[in-house]
């Protein structure tokens, strides 16, 4: 075998090895493209579901904010009513004191009253 034939065989073998390597790399890239497309398809299918979840979360947060605002308004209203009740109790106590004085005065004026016998019960 001459040196030229050995060199040609080695060159052909290297070319074949490089060609096979190139084909394998190309096949691998195509497989990766197909796999990536599958991943993208599954992600696109989940996109709608995730958007719905986000919308539900925002809606729930909005309802929470509305409930908080409503409870704050109710708390303010309750505080105002408590203050009014306190004022009404004070007015009622003053009125009760005046009324008791009127009863005592009536008892003092009435000659038939037994005001000295026992205290008056309401």
Protein backbone atom coordinates (compact mmCIF):
# COMPACT_ATOMS: atom_id res chain seq x y z
CA UNK A 1 0.00 0.00 0.00
CA UNK A 2 1.35 3.27 -0.98
CA UNK A 3 1.43 6.32 1.23
CA UNK A 4 -0.97 8.13 -1.04
CA UNK A 5 -3.65 5.48 -0.59
CA UNK A 6 -3.20 5.54 3.20
CA UNK A 7 -3.52 9.32 3.21
CA UNK A 8 -6.62 9.15 1.00
CA UNK A 9 -8.17 6.52 3.30
CA UNK A 10 -7.39 8.62 6.37
CA UNK A 11 -8.81 11.76 4.73
CA UNK A 12 -11.94 9.88 3.64
CA UNK A 13 -12.31 8.41 7.14
CA UNK A 14 -11.94 11.86 8.72
CA UNK A 15 -14.45 13.31 6.23
CA UNK A 16 -16.91 10.50 7.00
CA UNK A 17 -16.45 11.01 10.76
CA UNK A 18 -16.95 14.76 10.38
CA UNK A 19 -20.03 14.18 8.20
CA UNK A 20 -21.52 11.75 10.73
CA UNK A 21 -20.78 14.20 13.59
CA UNK A 22 -22.39 17.02 11.61
CA UNK A 23 -25.48 14.90 10.91
CA UNK A 24 -25.77 13.89 14.58
CA UNK A 25 -25.47 17.50 15.70
CA UNK A 26 -28.09 18.54 13.16
CA UNK A 27 -30.44 15.79 14.33
CA UNK A 28 -29.85 16.79 17.96
CA UNK A 29 -30.66 20.45 17.18
CA UNK A 30 -33.86 19.43 15.40
CA UNK A 31 -34.85 17.33 18.40
CA UNK A 32 -34.17 20.31 20.69
CA UNK A 33 -36.31 22.54 18.45
CA UNK A 34 -39.18 20.06 18.61
CA UNK A 35 -38.81 19.78 22.40
CA UNK A 36 -38.76 23.58 22.78
CA UNK A 37 -41.89 23.88 20.63
CA UNK A 38 -43.65 21.33 22.87
CA UNK A 39 -42.66 23.30 25.96
CA UNK A 40 -43.94 26.51 24.38
CA UNK A 41 -47.24 24.83 23.47
CA UNK A 42 -47.77 23.62 27.03
CA UNK A 43 -46.87 27.07 28.37
CA UNK A 44 -49.38 28.68 25.99
CA UNK A 45 -52.07 26.29 27.24
CA UNK A 46 -51.36 27.29 30.84
CA UNK A 47 -51.27 31.01 30.00
CA UNK A 48 -55.08 31.31 30.06
CA UNK A 49 -55.33 29.44 33.37
CA UNK A 50 -52.67 31.63 34.97
CA UNK A 51 -54.40 34.77 33.68
CA UNK A 52 -57.64 33.58 35.27
CA UNK A 53 -55.86 32.94 38.56
CA UNK A 54 -54.35 36.43 38.45
CA UNK A 55 -57.76 37.92 37.72
CA UNK A 56 -59.30 36.01 40.65
CA UNK A 57 -56.51 37.21 42.92
CA UNK A 58 -57.04 40.83 41.89
CA UNK A 59 -60.80 40.51 42.30
CA UNK A 60 -60.36 39.03 45.77
CA UNK A 61 -57.96 41.81 46.71
CA UNK A 62 -60.46 44.41 45.48
CA UNK A 63 -63.23 42.81 47.53
CA UNK A 64 -60.91 42.82 50.52
CA UNK A 65 -60.17 46.51 50.08
CA UNK A 66 -63.89 47.25 49.75
CA UNK A 67 -64.70 45.23 52.87
CA UNK A 68 -61.96 47.02 54.78
CA UNK A 69 -63.27 50.42 53.69
CA UNK A 70 -66.80 49.38 54.62
CA UNK A 71 -65.69 48.15 58.04
CA UNK A 72 -63.80 51.40 58.64
CA UNK A 73 -66.92 53.35 57.71
CA UNK A 74 -69.01 51.16 60.03
CA UNK A 75 -66.47 51.66 62.83
CA UNK A 76 -66.66 55.43 62.36
CA UNK A 77 -70.46 55.25 62.37
CA UNK A 78 -70.38 53.09 65.52
CA UNK A 79 -68.10 55.60 67.23
CA UNK A 80 -70.43 58.44 66.27
CA UNK A 81 -73.45 56.53 67.56
CA UNK A 82 -71.62 55.76 70.81
CA UNK A 83 -70.93 59.47 71.27
CA UNK A 84 -74.57 60.28 70.56
CA UNK A 85 -75.69 57.61 73.05
CA UNK A 86 -73.36 59.11 75.66
CA UNK A 87 -74.88 62.55 75.05
CA UNK A 88 -78.42 61.14 75.21
CA UNK A 89 -77.61 59.34 78.49
CA UNK A 90 -76.35 62.60 79.95
CA UNK A 91 -79.48 64.44 78.81
CA UNK A 92 -81.67 61.62 80.14
CA UNK A 93 -79.87 61.72 83.50
CA UNK A 94 -80.39 65.48 83.69
CA UNK A 95 -84.04 65.05 82.77
CA UNK A 96 -84.45 62.31 85.40
CA UNK A 97 -82.92 64.60 88.04
CA UNK A 98 -85.31 67.42 87.09
CA UNK A 99 -88.27 65.04 87.09
CA UNK A 100 -87.36 63.70 90.54
CA UNK A 101 -87.15 67.28 91.80
CA UNK A 102 -90.62 67.98 90.38
CA UNK A 103 -92.01 64.89 92.16
CA UNK A 104 -90.42 66.01 95.40
CA UNK A 105 -91.81 69.49 94.96
CA UNK A 106 -95.25 68.09 94.23
CA UNK A 107 -95.03 65.95 97.34
CA UNK A 108 -94.06 68.99 99.40
CA UNK A 109 -96.96 71.03 98.01
CA UNK A 110 -99.58 68.25 98.42
CA UNK A 111 -101.07 68.27 101.92
CA UNK A 112 -102.12 64.60 101.53
CA UNK A 113 -98.67 63.44 100.50
CA UNK A 114 -96.84 61.06 102.77
CA UNK A 115 -93.44 62.27 101.68
CA UNK A 116 -92.03 62.01 105.14
CA UNK A 117 -93.20 58.37 105.60
CA UNK A 118 -91.20 56.59 102.92
CA UNK A 119 -89.07 57.49 99.96
CA UNK A 120 -90.84 57.52 96.63
CA UNK A 121 -90.16 54.52 94.31
CA UNK A 122 -90.13 54.97 90.54
